[in-house]
C-alpha atoms as a PDB file:
ATOM      1  CA  MET A   1     -20.218  -4.693  -9.167  1.00  0.00           C
ATOM      2  CA  LYS A   2     -18.595  -1.571 -10.392  1.00  0.00           C
ATOM      3  CA  ILE A   3     -16.036  -0.244  -8.033  1.00  0.00           C
ATOM      4  CA  LEU A   4     -14.023   3.245  -8.132  1.00  0.00           C
ATOM      5  CA  VAL A   5     -10.599   2.617  -7.124  1.00  0.00           C
ATOM      6  CA  THR A   6      -8.507   5.640  -6.019  1.00  0.00           C
ATOM      7  CA  GLY A   7      -4.921   5.199  -6.696  1.00  0.00           C
ATOM      8  CA  GLY A   8      -5.072   2.222  -9.165  1.00  0.00           C
ATOM      9  CA  ALA A   9      -2.221   3.039 -11.190  1.00  0.00           C
ATOM     10  CA  GLY A  10      -0.032   2.669  -7.795  1.00  0.00           C
ATOM     11  CA  PHE A  11       2.070  -0.556  -6.304  1.00  0.00           C
ATOM     12  CA  ILE A  12      -1.036  -1.891  -4.076  1.00  0.00           C
ATOM     13  CA  GLY A  13      -3.825  -0.267  -6.402  1.00  0.00           C
ATOM     14  CA  SER A  14      -3.114  -1.522  -9.488  1.00  0.00           C
ATOM     15  CA  ALA A  15      -2.775  -5.291  -7.704  1.00  0.00           C
ATOM     16  CA  VAL A  16      -6.630  -4.420  -6.608  1.00  0.00           C
ATOM     17  CA  VAL A  17      -7.310  -3.198 -10.242  1.00  0.00           C
ATOM     18  CA  ARG A  18      -5.758  -6.371 -11.907  1.00  0.00           C
ATOM     19  CA  ARG A  19      -7.595  -8.663  -9.362  1.00  0.00           C
ATOM     20  CA  ALA A  20     -10.932  -7.238  -9.897  1.00  0.00           C
ATOM     21  CA  VAL A  21     -11.075  -7.326 -13.608  1.00  0.00           C
ATOM     22  CA  ALA A  22      -9.852 -10.561 -13.532  1.00  0.00           C
ATOM     23  CA  ASP A  23     -12.812 -11.546 -10.989  1.00  0.00           C
ATOM     24  CA  GLY A  24     -15.394  -9.937 -13.415  1.00  0.00           C
ATOM     25  CA  LEU A  25     -15.749  -6.833 -11.935  1.00  0.00           C
ATOM     26  CA  SER A  26     -16.077  -3.411 -13.270  1.00  0.00           C
ATOM     27  CA  VAL A  27     -13.294  -1.113 -12.313  1.00  0.00           C
ATOM     28  CA  VAL A  28     -13.110   2.883 -12.594  1.00  0.00           C
ATOM     29  CA  ASN A  29      -9.274   3.581 -11.954  1.00  0.00           C
ATOM     30  CA  LEU A  30      -8.978   7.179 -10.591  1.00  0.00           C
ATOM     31  CA  ASP A  31      -5.274   8.154 -10.242  1.00  0.00           C
ATOM     32  CA  ALA A  32      -3.316  11.810 -10.506  1.00  0.00           C
ATOM     33  CA  LEU A  33      -0.473   9.837 -11.868  1.00  0.00           C
ATOM     34  CA  THR A  34       2.110  11.114  -9.818  1.00  0.00           C
ATOM     35  CA  TYR A  35       5.661   9.862  -9.598  1.00  0.00           C
ATOM     36  CA  ALA A  36       4.868   7.089  -7.783  1.00  0.00           C
ATOM     37  CA  ALA A  37       2.162   6.049 -10.297  1.00  0.00           C
ATOM     38  CA  SER A  38       2.271   4.178 -13.840  1.00  0.00           C
ATOM     39  CA  LEU A  39      -0.239   3.083 -16.222  1.00  0.00           C
ATOM     40  CA  GLU A  40       2.242   0.626 -17.145  1.00  0.00           C
ATOM     41  CA  ASN A  41       1.112  -1.303 -13.835  1.00  0.00           C
ATOM     42  CA  VAL A  42      -2.562  -2.049 -15.402  1.00  0.00           C
ATOM     43  CA  ALA A  43      -1.612  -2.573 -19.054  1.00  0.00           C
ATOM     44  CA  GLY A  44      -2.554  -6.180 -18.880  1.00  0.00           C
ATOM     45  CA  VAL A  45      -6.500  -4.994 -18.054  1.00  0.00           C
ATOM     46  CA  ALA A  46      -6.365  -1.443 -20.095  1.00  0.00           C
ATOM     47  CA  ASP A  47      -8.237  -3.061 -22.954  1.00  0.00           C
ATOM     48  CA  SER A  48     -10.845  -4.897 -21.407  1.00  0.00           C
ATOM     49  CA  PRO A  49     -14.393  -3.302 -21.499  1.00  0.00           C
ATOM     50  CA  LEU A  50     -14.734  -3.937 -17.631  1.00  0.00           C
ATOM     51  CA  TYR A  51     -11.995  -1.295 -17.285  1.00  0.00           C
ATOM     52  CA  SER A  52     -11.920   2.619 -17.194  1.00  0.00           C
ATOM     53  CA  PHE A  53      -9.441   5.401 -16.456  1.00  0.00           C
ATOM     54  CA  GLU A  54     -10.212   9.146 -15.000  1.00  0.00           C
ATOM     55  CA  HIS A  55      -6.969  10.818 -14.903  1.00  0.00           C
ATOM     56  CA  ALA A  56      -8.048  12.923 -12.033  1.00  0.00           C
ATOM     57  CA  ASP A  57      -6.856  14.200  -7.983  1.00  0.00           C
ATOM     58  CA  ILE A  58      -8.706  13.361  -5.015  1.00  0.00           C
ATOM     59  CA  ARG A  59      -8.239  16.885  -3.698  1.00  0.00           C
ATOM     60  CA  ASP A  60     -10.043  18.193  -6.824  1.00  0.00           C
ATOM     61  CA  ARG A  61     -13.827  18.077  -5.361  1.00  0.00           C
ATOM     62  CA  ALA A  62     -15.264  19.129  -8.828  1.00  0.00           C
ATOM     63  CA  ALA A  63     -13.632  16.353 -10.569  1.00  0.00           C
ATOM     64  CA  LEU A  64     -14.788  13.734  -7.682  1.00  0.00           C
ATOM     65  CA  ASP A  65     -18.576  15.166  -8.414  1.00  0.00           C
ATOM     66  CA  ARG A  66     -18.210  14.244 -11.881  1.00  0.00           C
ATOM     67  CA  ILE A  67     -16.393  10.666 -11.639  1.00  0.00           C
ATOM     68  CA  PHE A  68     -19.136   9.647  -9.571  1.00  0.00           C
ATOM     69  CA  ALA A  69     -22.225  11.303 -11.731  1.00  0.00           C
ATOM     70  CA  THR A  70     -20.488   9.759 -14.718  1.00  0.00           C
ATOM     71  CA  HIS A  71     -19.840   6.294 -13.697  1.00  0.00           C
ATOM     72  CA  ALA A  72     -21.983   5.675 -10.765  1.00  0.00           C
ATOM     73  CA  PRO A  73     -19.804   3.262  -8.663  1.00  0.00           C
ATOM     74  CA  ASP A  74     -21.502   0.669  -6.466  1.00  0.00           C
ATOM     75  CA  ALA A  75     -18.284   0.924  -4.086  1.00  0.00           C
ATOM     76  CA  VAL A  76     -15.402   2.827  -3.640  1.00  0.00           C
ATOM     77  CA  MET A  77     -12.050   1.519  -2.694  1.00  0.00           C
ATOM     78  CA  HIS A  78      -9.679   4.379  -1.523  1.00  0.00           C
ATOM     79  CA  LEU A  79      -6.091   3.643  -1.926  1.00  0.00           C
ATOM     80  CA  ALA A  80      -4.657   7.025  -2.955  1.00  0.00           C
ATOM     81  CA  ALA A  81      -1.860   8.166  -0.859  1.00  0.00           C
ATOM     82  CA  GLU A  82       1.508   9.568  -0.324  1.00  0.00           C
ATOM     83  CA  SER A  83       3.056   6.498   1.141  1.00  0.00           C
ATOM     84  CA  HIS A  84       6.795   7.045   1.488  1.00  0.00           C
ATOM     85  CA  VAL A  85       7.748   7.662   5.364  1.00  0.00           C
ATOM     86  CA  ASP A  86      11.590   9.296   3.979  1.00  0.00           C
ATOM     87  CA  ARG A  87       9.572  11.452   1.569  1.00  0.00           C
ATOM     88  CA  SER A  88       7.226  12.499   4.309  1.00  0.00           C
ATOM     89  CA  ILE A  89      10.128  13.489   6.771  1.00  0.00           C
ATOM     90  CA  ASP A  90      11.719  15.832   3.761  1.00  0.00           C
ATOM     91  CA  GLY A  91       8.042  17.172   2.673  1.00  0.00           C
ATOM     92  CA  PRO A  92       5.350  16.361   5.094  1.00  0.00           C
ATOM     93  CA  GLY A  93       2.910  19.370   3.100  1.00  0.00           C
ATOM     94  CA  ASP A  94       2.043  16.872   0.515  1.00  0.00           C
ATOM     95  CA  PHE A  95       0.994  14.042   2.660  1.00  0.00           C
ATOM     96  CA  ILE A  96      -1.311  16.287   4.708  1.00  0.00           C
ATOM     97  CA  GLU A  97      -2.879  17.600   1.548  1.00  0.00           C
ATOM     98  CA  THR A  98      -3.483  14.289  -0.215  1.00  0.00           C
ATOM     99  CA  ASN A  99      -4.206  11.970   2.794  1.00  0.00           C
ATOM    100  CA  ILE A 100      -6.296  14.205   4.638  1.00  0.00           C
ATOM    101  CA  THR A 101      -7.751  16.869   2.595  1.00  0.00           C
ATOM    102  CA  GLY A 102      -7.834  14.464  -0.472  1.00  0.00           C
ATOM    103  CA  THR A 103      -9.502  11.667   1.871  1.00  0.00           C
ATOM    104  CA  TYR A 104     -12.144  14.269   3.291  1.00  0.00           C
ATOM    105  CA  ASN A 105     -12.916  15.333  -0.248  1.00  0.00           C
ATOM    106  CA  LEU A 106     -13.457  11.839  -1.321  1.00  0.00           C
ATOM    107  CA  LEU A 107     -15.881  11.219   1.727  1.00  0.00           C
ATOM    108  CA  GLU A 108     -17.925  14.319   0.945  1.00  0.00           C
ATOM    109  CA  ALA A 109     -18.246  13.261  -2.894  1.00  0.00           C
ATOM    110  CA  ALA A 110     -19.309   9.730  -1.931  1.00  0.00           C
ATOM    111  CA  ARG A 111     -21.427  11.044   0.292  1.00  0.00           C
ATOM    112  CA  ALA A 112     -23.292  13.174  -1.635  1.00  0.00           C
ATOM    113  CA  TYR A 113     -23.132  10.709  -4.379  1.00  0.00           C
ATOM    114  CA  TRP A 114     -25.174   8.100  -2.128  1.00  0.00           C
ATOM    115  CA  GLN A 115     -27.482  10.117  -0.412  1.00  0.00           C
ATOM    116  CA  LYS A 116     -28.588  11.853  -4.228  1.00  0.00           C
ATOM    117  CA  ALA A 117     -28.952   7.999  -5.104  1.00  0.00           C
ATOM    118  CA  GLY A 118     -31.497   7.183  -2.086  1.00  0.00           C
ATOM    119  CA  LYS A 119     -28.671   5.707   0.094  1.00  0.00           C
ATOM    120  CA  PRO A 120     -28.507   2.281  -1.464  1.00  0.00           C
ATOM    121  CA  GLU A 121     -27.980  -0.357   0.693  1.00  0.00           C
ATOM    122  CA  GLY A 122     -25.077  -2.066  -0.824  1.00  0.00           C
ATOM    123  CA  PHE A 123     -22.999   0.636  -1.632  1.00  0.00           C
ATOM    124  CA  ARG A 124     -19.582   0.693   0.536  1.00  0.00           C
ATOM    125  CA  PHE A 125     -16.679   3.229   1.222  1.00  0.00           C
ATOM    126  CA  HIS A 126     -13.527   0.944   1.715  1.00  0.00           C
ATOM    127  CA  HIS A 127     -10.772   2.612   3.333  1.00  0.00           C
ATOM    128  CA  ILE A 128      -7.354   1.186   2.998  1.00  0.00           C
ATOM    129  CA  SER A 129      -4.740   2.075   5.559  1.00  0.00           C
ATOM    130  CA  THR A 130      -1.638   0.645   7.095  1.00  0.00           C
ATOM    131  CA  ASP A 131      -0.522  -0.730  10.248  1.00  0.00           C
ATOM    132  CA  GLU A 132       1.893   2.352  10.983  1.00  0.00           C
ATOM    133  CA  VAL A 133      -0.942   4.243  12.540  1.00  0.00           C
ATOM    134  CA  TYR A 134      -0.616   2.286  15.623  1.00  0.00           C
ATOM    135  CA  GLY A 135       3.283   3.068  16.202  1.00  0.00           C
ATOM    136  CA  SER A 136       6.001   0.879  17.297  1.00  0.00           C
ATOM    137  CA  LEU A 137       5.912  -2.549  19.002  1.00  0.00           C
ATOM    138  CA  PRO A 138       8.289  -4.220  21.326  1.00  0.00           C
ATOM    139  CA  ALA A 139      10.627  -7.033  20.484  1.00  0.00           C
ATOM    140  CA  ASP A 140       8.238  -9.758  22.502  1.00  0.00           C
ATOM    141  CA  PRO A 141       6.551 -11.503  19.710  1.00  0.00           C
ATOM    142  CA  SER A 142       3.446 -12.247  21.881  1.00  0.00           C
ATOM    143  CA  VAL A 143       2.536  -8.432  21.457  1.00  0.00           C
ATOM    144  CA  MET A 144       1.087  -7.419  18.187  1.00  0.00           C
ATOM    145  CA  PHE A 145      -1.367  -5.137  16.629  1.00  0.00           C
ATOM    146  CA  THR A 146      -4.921  -5.863  16.946  1.00  0.00           C
ATOM    147  CA  GLU A 147      -7.685  -3.630  15.666  1.00  0.00           C
ATOM    148  CA  GLU A 148      -8.340  -2.249  19.379  1.00  0.00           C
ATOM    149  CA  THR A 149      -4.504  -0.835  19.640  1.00  0.00           C
ATOM    150  CA  GLY A 150      -4.422   2.588  19.844  1.00  0.00           C
ATOM    151  CA  TYR A 151      -3.021   4.799  17.557  1.00  0.00           C
ATOM    152  CA  ASP A 152       0.503   6.489  18.232  1.00  0.00           C
ATOM    153  CA  PRO A 153       2.101   7.257  14.961  1.00  0.00           C
ATOM    154  CA  ARG A 154       5.271   8.665  14.904  1.00  0.00           C
ATOM    155  CA  SER A 155       5.816   9.900  11.376  1.00  0.00           C
ATOM    156  CA  PRO A 156       4.009  13.072   9.138  1.00  0.00           C
ATOM    157  CA  TYR A 157       3.332   9.780   6.861  1.00  0.00           C
ATOM    158  CA  SER A 158       1.250   7.701   9.694  1.00  0.00           C
ATOM    159  CA  ALA A 159       0.128  10.480  11.596  1.00  0.00           C
ATOM    160  CA  SER A 160      -1.590  11.613   7.945  1.00  0.00           C
ATOM    161  CA  LYS A 161      -2.876   8.193   7.361  1.00  0.00           C
ATOM    162  CA  ALA A 162      -4.106   8.188  10.942  1.00  0.00           C
ATOM    163  CA  SER A 163      -6.115  11.369  10.343  1.00  0.00           C
ATOM    164  CA  SER A 164      -7.826   9.566   7.501  1.00  0.00           C
ATOM    165  CA  ASP A 165      -8.753   6.742   9.139  1.00  0.00           C
ATOM    166  CA  HIS A 166     -10.123   9.200  12.074  1.00  0.00           C
ATOM    167  CA  LEU A 167     -12.031  10.892   9.311  1.00  0.00           C
ATOM    168  CA  VAL A 168     -13.542   7.964   7.965  1.00  0.00           C
ATOM    169  CA  ARG A 169     -14.816   6.443  11.292  1.00  0.00           C
ATOM    170  CA  ALA A 170     -16.376  10.048  11.451  1.00  0.00           C
ATOM    171  CA  TRP A 171     -18.275   9.660   8.378  1.00  0.00           C
ATOM    172  CA  GLY A 172     -19.673   6.399   9.327  1.00  0.00           C
ATOM    173  CA  GLU A 173     -20.787   7.512  12.670  1.00  0.00           C
ATOM    174  CA  THR A 174     -21.997  10.733  12.170  1.00  0.00           C
ATOM    175  CA  TYR A 175     -23.466  10.837   8.371  1.00  0.00           C
ATOM    176  CA  GLY A 176     -24.344   6.773   8.336  1.00  0.00           C
ATOM    177  CA  LEU A 177     -22.084   6.592   5.411  1.00  0.00           C
ATOM    178  CA  PRO A 178     -21.610   2.757   4.923  1.00  0.00           C
ATOM    179  CA  VAL A 179     -17.792   2.430   5.461  1.00  0.00           C
ATOM    180  CA  VAL A 180     -15.195  -0.492   6.268  1.00  0.00           C
ATOM    181  CA  LEU A 181     -11.728   0.174   6.955  1.00  0.00           C
ATOM    182  CA  THR A 182      -8.514  -2.047   6.688  1.00  0.00           C
ATOM    183  CA  ASN A 183      -4.836  -1.681   8.060  1.00  0.00           C
ATOM    184  CA  CYS A 184      -2.014  -3.739   6.360  1.00  0.00           C
ATOM    185  CA  SER A 185       1.444  -4.584   7.082  1.00  0.00           C
ATOM    186  CA  ASN A 186       4.176  -3.975   4.614  1.00  0.00           C
ATOM    187  CA  ASN A 187       3.661  -4.839   1.016  1.00  0.00           C
ATOM    188  CA  TYR A 188       5.753  -6.398  -1.596  1.00  0.00           C
ATOM    189  CA  GLY A 189       6.131  -7.573  -4.760  1.00  0.00           C
ATOM    190  CA  PRO A 190       5.588  -6.925  -8.920  1.00  0.00           C
ATOM    191  CA  TYR A 191       5.620  -3.368  -9.698  1.00  0.00           C
ATOM    192  CA  HIS A 192       6.739  -2.051  -6.348  1.00  0.00           C
ATOM    193  CA  PHE A 193       8.129   1.654  -7.167  1.00  0.00           C
ATOM    194  CA  PRO A 194      11.773   1.585  -6.831  1.00  0.00           C
ATOM    195  CA  GLU A 195      12.482   3.554  -3.962  1.00  0.00           C
ATOM    196  CA  LYS A 196      11.058   0.978  -1.261  1.00  0.00           C
ATOM    197  CA  LEU A 197      13.126  -1.539   0.360  1.00  0.00           C
ATOM    198  CA  ILE A 198      13.186  -4.836  -1.611  1.00  0.00           C
ATOM    199  CA  PRO A 199      13.047  -3.565  -5.207  1.00  0.00           C
ATOM    200  CA  VAL A 200      15.943  -0.776  -3.914  1.00  0.00           C
ATOM    201  CA  THR A 201      17.682  -3.866  -2.808  1.00  0.00           C
ATOM    202  CA  ILE A 202      17.383  -5.972  -5.617  1.00  0.00           C
ATOM    203  CA  LEU A 203      18.599  -3.090  -8.108  1.00  0.00           C
ATOM    204  CA  ASN A 204      21.112  -1.814  -6.094  1.00  0.00           C
ATOM    205  CA  ALA A 205      22.452  -5.343  -6.226  1.00  0.00           C
ATOM    206  CA  LEU A 206      22.247  -6.066  -9.722  1.00  0.00           C
ATOM    207  CA  ALA A 207      24.001  -2.433 -10.848  1.00  0.00           C
ATOM    208  CA  GLY A 208      26.755  -3.253  -7.518  1.00  0.00           C
ATOM    209  CA  LYS A 209      25.765  -0.977  -5.790  1.00  0.00           C
ATOM    210  CA  PRO A 210      25.335  -0.375  -1.840  1.00  0.00           C
ATOM    211  CA  LEU A 211      22.715  -2.205  -0.329  1.00  0.00           C
ATOM    212  CA  PRO A 212      21.827   0.501   2.305  1.00  0.00           C
ATOM    213  CA  ILE A 213      20.178  -0.635   5.709  1.00  0.00           C
ATOM    214  CA  TYR A 214      19.443   1.642   8.260  1.00  0.00           C
ATOM    215  CA  GLY A 215      20.726   1.546  11.787  1.00  0.00           C
ATOM    216  CA  ASP A 216      21.679  -2.297  12.584  1.00  0.00           C
ATOM    217  CA  GLY A 217      19.164  -3.633  10.593  1.00  0.00           C
ATOM    218  CA  SER A 218      17.071  -5.154  13.634  1.00  0.00           C
ATOM    219  CA  ASN A 219      13.728  -3.290  12.562  1.00  0.00           C
ATOM    220  CA  ILE A 220      11.301  -5.857  12.241  1.00  0.00           C
ATOM    221  CA  ARG A 221       8.415  -5.822   9.736  1.00  0.00           C
ATOM    222  CA  ASP A 222       5.631  -8.017   9.014  1.00  0.00           C
ATOM    223  CA  TRP A 223       5.589  -8.622   4.813  1.00  0.00           C
ATOM    224  CA  LEU A 224       2.632  -9.266   3.005  1.00  0.00           C
ATOM    225  CA  TYR A 225       2.365 -10.223  -0.453  1.00  0.00           C
ATOM    226  CA  VAL A 226       0.547  -7.672  -2.743  1.00  0.00           C
ATOM    227  CA  GLU A 227      -1.473 -10.013  -4.478  1.00  0.00           C
ATOM    228  CA  ASP A 228      -2.798 -11.881  -1.225  1.00  0.00           C
ATOM    229  CA  HIS A 229      -3.391  -8.141   0.219  1.00  0.00           C
ATOM    230  CA  ALA A 230      -5.611  -7.491  -2.937  1.00  0.00           C
ATOM    231  CA  ASP A 231      -7.474 -11.025  -2.517  1.00  0.00           C
ATOM    232  CA  ALA A 232      -8.110  -9.632   1.151  1.00  0.00           C
ATOM    233  CA  LEU A 233      -9.249  -6.127   0.077  1.00  0.00           C
ATOM    234  CA  LEU A 234     -11.846  -7.230  -2.073  1.00  0.00           C
ATOM    235  CA  LEU A 235     -12.931 -10.063   0.226  1.00  0.00           C
ATOM    236  CA  VAL A 236     -13.322  -7.114   2.849  1.00  0.00           C
ATOM    237  CA  LEU A 237     -15.357  -5.109   0.297  1.00  0.00           C
ATOM    238  CA  GLN A 238     -17.811  -7.934  -0.319  1.00  0.00           C
ATOM    239  CA  LYS A 239     -18.297  -9.463   2.869  1.00  0.00           C
ATOM    240  CA  GLY A 240     -16.743  -7.367   5.668  1.00  0.00           C
ATOM    241  CA  ALA A 241     -19.031  -5.864   8.351  1.00  0.00           C
ATOM    242  CA  LEU A 242     -19.967  -2.251   7.856  1.00  0.00           C
ATOM    243  CA  GLY A 243     -18.096   0.143  10.205  1.00  0.00           C
ATOM    244  CA  ARG A 244     -15.889  -2.556  10.898  1.00  0.00           C
ATOM    245  CA  SER A 245     -11.975  -2.728  10.787  1.00  0.00           C
ATOM    246  CA  TYR A 246      -9.724  -5.487  10.006  1.00  0.00           C
ATOM    247  CA  ASN A 247      -6.025  -6.167   9.968  1.00  0.00           C
ATOM    248  CA  ILE A 248      -4.188  -7.880   7.378  1.00  0.00           C
ATOM    249  CA  GLY A 249      -0.901  -9.051   7.663  1.00  0.00           C
ATOM    250  CA  GLY A 250       1.299 -11.494   5.924  1.00  0.00           C
ATOM    251  CA  GLU A 251       2.419 -13.375   9.067  1.00  0.00           C
ATOM    252  CA  ASN A 252       6.073 -13.289   7.832  1.00  0.00           C
ATOM    253  CA  GLU A 253       8.009 -11.257  10.473  1.00  0.00           C
ATOM    254  CA  ARG A 254      11.555 -10.924   9.281  1.00  0.00           C
ATOM    255  CA  THR A 255      14.437  -8.029  10.551  1.00  0.00           C
ATOM    256  CA  ASN A 256      15.253  -5.813   7.816  1.00  0.00           C
ATOM    257  CA  LEU A 257      18.689  -7.323   7.539  1.00  0.00           C
ATOM    258  CA  GLU A 258      17.481 -10.795   7.399  1.00  0.00           C
ATOM    259  CA  LEU A 259      15.353  -9.553   4.567  1.00  0.00           C
ATOM    260  CA  VAL A 260      17.901  -8.308   2.646  1.00  0.00           C
ATOM    261  CA  ARG A 261      20.474 -11.310   3.143  1.00  0.00           C
ATOM    262  CA  THR A 262      17.552 -13.534   2.141  1.00  0.00           C
ATOM    263  CA  ILE A 263      17.385 -11.302  -1.250  1.00  0.00           C
ATOM    264  CA  CYS A 264      20.883 -11.645  -1.559  1.00  0.00           C
ATOM    265  CA  GLY A 265      20.799 -15.155  -1.431  1.00  0.00           C
ATOM    266  CA  ILE A 266      18.181 -15.453  -4.008  1.00  0.00           C
ATOM    267  CA  LEU A 267      19.991 -13.104  -6.545  1.00  0.00           C
ATOM    268  CA  ASP A 268      23.250 -15.184  -5.792  1.00  0.00           C
ATOM    269  CA  GLU A 269      21.158 -18.309  -6.995  1.00  0.00           C
ATOM    270  CA  LEU A 270      19.067 -16.807  -9.911  1.00  0.00           C
ATOM    271  CA  ARG A 271      21.623 -14.346 -11.501  1.00  0.00           C
ATOM    272  CA  PRO A 272      25.413 -14.833  -9.618  1.00  0.00           C
ATOM    273  CA  GLY A 273      28.000 -11.989  -9.300  1.00  0.00           C
ATOM    274  CA  PRO A 274      31.507 -11.918  -8.906  1.00  0.00           C
ATOM    275  CA  ALA A 275      31.250 -12.113  -5.600  1.00  0.00           C
ATOM    276  CA  PRO A 276      28.222 -12.797  -3.105  1.00  0.00           C
ATOM    277  CA  TYR A 277      25.606 -10.195  -3.208  1.00  0.00           C
ATOM    278  CA  ALA A 278      25.620  -9.744   0.449  1.00  0.00           C
ATOM    279  CA  ASP A 279      28.925  -8.165   0.652  1.00  0.00           C
ATOM    280  CA  LEU A 280      27.281  -4.970  -0.659  1.00  0.00           C
ATOM    281  CA  ILE A 281      25.535  -4.652   2.541  1.00  0.00           C
ATOM    282  CA  THR A 282      26.149  -1.288   3.874  1.00  0.00           C
ATOM    283  CA  PHE A 283      24.815   0.167   7.477  1.00  0.00           C
ATOM    284  CA  VAL A 284      23.533   3.951   7.145  1.00  0.00           C
ATOM    285  CA  THR A 285      22.644   6.272   9.344  1.00  0.00           C
ATOM    286  CA  ASP A 286      18.962   5.542  10.928  1.00  0.00           C
ATOM    287  CA  ARG A 287      15.925   7.083   9.864  1.00  0.00           C
ATOM    288  CA  PRO A 288      14.525   9.896  12.235  1.00  0.00           C
ATOM    289  CA  GLY A 289      11.459   7.953  14.540  1.00  0.00           C
ATOM    290  CA  HIS A 290      12.267   4.869  12.999  1.00  0.00           C
ATOM    291  CA  ASP A 291       9.614   2.468  14.569  1.00  0.00           C
ATOM    292  CA  ALA A 292      11.359  -0.712  16.067  1.00  0.00           C
ATOM    293  CA  ARG A 293       8.428  -3.285  14.927  1.00  0.00           C
ATOM    294  CA  TYR A 294       5.585  -3.850  13.188  1.00  0.00           C
ATOM    295  CA  ALA A 295       3.497  -7.067  13.493  1.00  0.00           C
ATOM    296  CA  ILE A 296      -0.368  -7.518  12.678  1.00  0.00           C
ATOM    297  CA  ASP A 297      -2.863  -9.921  14.620  1.00  0.00           C
ATOM    298  CA  ALA A 298      -4.818 -11.157  11.727  1.00  0.00           C
ATOM    299  CA  THR A 299      -7.196 -13.007  13.887  1.00  0.00           C
ATOM    300  CA  ARG A 300     -10.337 -10.982  13.107  1.00  0.00           C
ATOM    301  CA  ILE A 301     -10.124 -11.452   9.355  1.00  0.00           C
ATOM    302  CA  ARG A 302      -9.207 -15.293   9.537  1.00  0.00           C
ATOM    303  CA  GLU A 303     -12.011 -15.893  11.923  1.00  0.00           C
ATOM    304  CA  GLU A 304     -14.335 -13.787  10.382  1.00  0.00           C
ATOM    305  CA  LEU A 305     -13.945 -13.830   6.906  1.00  0.00           C
ATOM    306  CA  GLY A 306     -11.919 -16.982   6.173  1.00  0.00           C
ATOM    307  CA  TRP A 307      -8.648 -15.334   4.892  1.00  0.00           C
ATOM    308  CA  ARG A 308      -5.023 -15.789   5.545  1.00  0.00           C
ATOM    309  CA  PRO A 309      -2.078 -15.292   3.380  1.00  0.00           C
ATOM    310  CA  SER A 310      -1.147 -18.184   0.976  1.00  0.00           C
ATOM    311  CA  VAL A 311       2.375 -16.808  -0.096  1.00  0.00           C
ATOM    312  CA  THR A 312       5.473 -17.277   2.731  1.00  0.00           C
ATOM    313  CA  VAL A 313       8.196 -14.295   2.374  1.00  0.00           C
ATOM    314  CA  GLU A 314      10.712 -16.944   0.863  1.00  0.00           C
ATOM    315  CA  GLU A 315       8.061 -17.974  -1.997  1.00  0.00           C
ATOM    316  CA  GLY A 316       6.983 -14.634  -2.526  1.00  0.00           C
ATOM    317  CA  LEU A 317      10.408 -12.775  -2.434  1.00  0.00           C
ATOM    318  CA  ARG A 318      11.587 -15.226  -5.277  1.00  0.00           C
ATOM    319  CA  ARG A 319       8.652 -14.463  -7.457  1.00  0.00           C
ATOM    320  CA  THR A 320       9.082 -10.867  -6.887  1.00  0.00           C
ATOM    321  CA  VAL A 321      13.253 -10.949  -7.728  1.00  0.00           C
ATOM    322  CA  GLN A 322      12.508 -13.176 -10.639  1.00  0.00           C
ATOM    323  CA  TRP A 323       9.977 -10.486 -11.806  1.00  0.00           C
ATOM    324  CA  TYR A 324      12.289  -7.644 -11.693  1.00  0.00           C
ATOM    325  CA  LEU A 325      14.982  -9.645 -13.832  1.00  0.00           C
ATOM    326  CA  ASP A 326      12.473 -10.312 -16.529  1.00  0.00           C
ATOM    327  CA  ASN A 327      10.914  -6.624 -16.735  1.00  0.00           C
ATOM    328  CA  GLU A 328      13.845  -4.180 -16.577  1.00  0.00           C
ATOM    329  CA  SER A 329      11.604  -1.891 -19.056  1.00  0.00           C
ATOM    330  CA  TRP A 330       9.110  -1.432 -16.364  1.00  0.00           C
ATOM    331  CA  TRP A 331      11.454  -0.333 -13.658  1.00  0.00           C
ATOM    332  CA  ARG A 332      14.595   1.051 -15.394  1.00  0.00           C
ATOM    333  CA  PRO A 333      12.816   4.697 -16.845  1.00  0.00           C
ATOM    334  CA  LEU A 334      11.155   4.497 -13.029  1.00  0.00           C
ATOM    335  CA  GLN A 335      14.611   5.025 -11.884  1.00  0.00           C
ATOM    336  CA  GLU A 336      14.763   8.473 -13.594  1.00  0.00           C
ATOM    337  CA  ARG A 337      11.865  10.312 -11.333  1.00  0.00           C
ATOM    338  CA  SER A 338      12.421  12.743  -8.808  1.00  0.00           C
ATOM    339  CA  GLY A 339      14.109  11.220  -5.832  1.00  0.00           C
ATOM    340  CA  VAL A 340      14.804   7.639  -6.637  1.00  0.00           C
ATOM    341  CA  GLY A 341      18.129   6.652  -5.685  1.00  0.00           C
ATOM    342  CA  GLN A 342      18.711   9.261  -3.140  1.00  0.00           C
ATOM    343  CA  ARG A 343      18.877   9.240   0.340  1.00  0.00           C
ATOM    344  CA  LEU A 344      15.632  10.683   1.564  1.00  0.00           C
ATOM    345  CA  GLY A 345      14.382  11.478   5.105  1.00  0.00           C
ATOM    346  CA  VAL A 346      17.329  12.541   6.828  1.00  0.00           C
ATOM    347  CA  ALA A 347      16.336  15.936   7.617  1.00  0.00           C
ATOM    348  CA  LEU A 348      16.220  17.166  11.556  1.00  0.00           C
END
């Protein structure tokens, strides 16, 4: 199988690329190499005969047509997206153009290629999305997102991803394009770009800087180790039912404050400082429209495909902290990129 992976130099996309090549699958990595991407993320597979790279933007339809014609993929895994909520508050235009218009262009290029090839039965278009399209949940642990939960996005980012989900379903229904969709909870792990909560916490702590927590830190997220997610995505691509969506969760709900304190405890053990790292925790003004809780009910993928996460949040955080301690040469240059280390998403 040859897979066209969009956004394969990003955080989740690169995990998919690395796993797919390790599994013996051919991969074409299509990435525009915007600020959050790095080819260092896939350096370990770059010399494999199973891997090839295309520097292109999903907003460029002509480039997409050329790539489909050149590589003739058996499947598409669409991960390319603008994904940082805070940046979407400050600059929603990029999110509309990439997540909506880019997805439209990719769907049309895939449809044209699929039709010209005679609509091969095995072709798949796998759209990877987020649980943030569902909105916010109450604190009640019995209430979770299922695949039937209505969409209620609250930020420009989640609204743009909800729009892309609707486009993919429409292309499946209207044109018969063989699609599958997944919606995941918060990912973390190696190669996580240093503007998200977990890498910010690790790197600020190492630098002795404040550890910013929005509001009172009570917002709850379900944390999914990125390599578990990559396994689930490849399973859905190959075994998921056409037209079906699958929620992928980590079964690891934590408040933001609990998460940061756990990271501080791990750092106290692995890289002791002059004082406990938790002393650096600082509460800052909350983000506009900050959803209170996300939680995934992953019953469908567990019962239909036999998948469930293999890594607890404590184990995954320990692996992640150790990875950042061991890979300063990766994260140090990324801290110089635009917006990294600045408070974003406060515009009203």
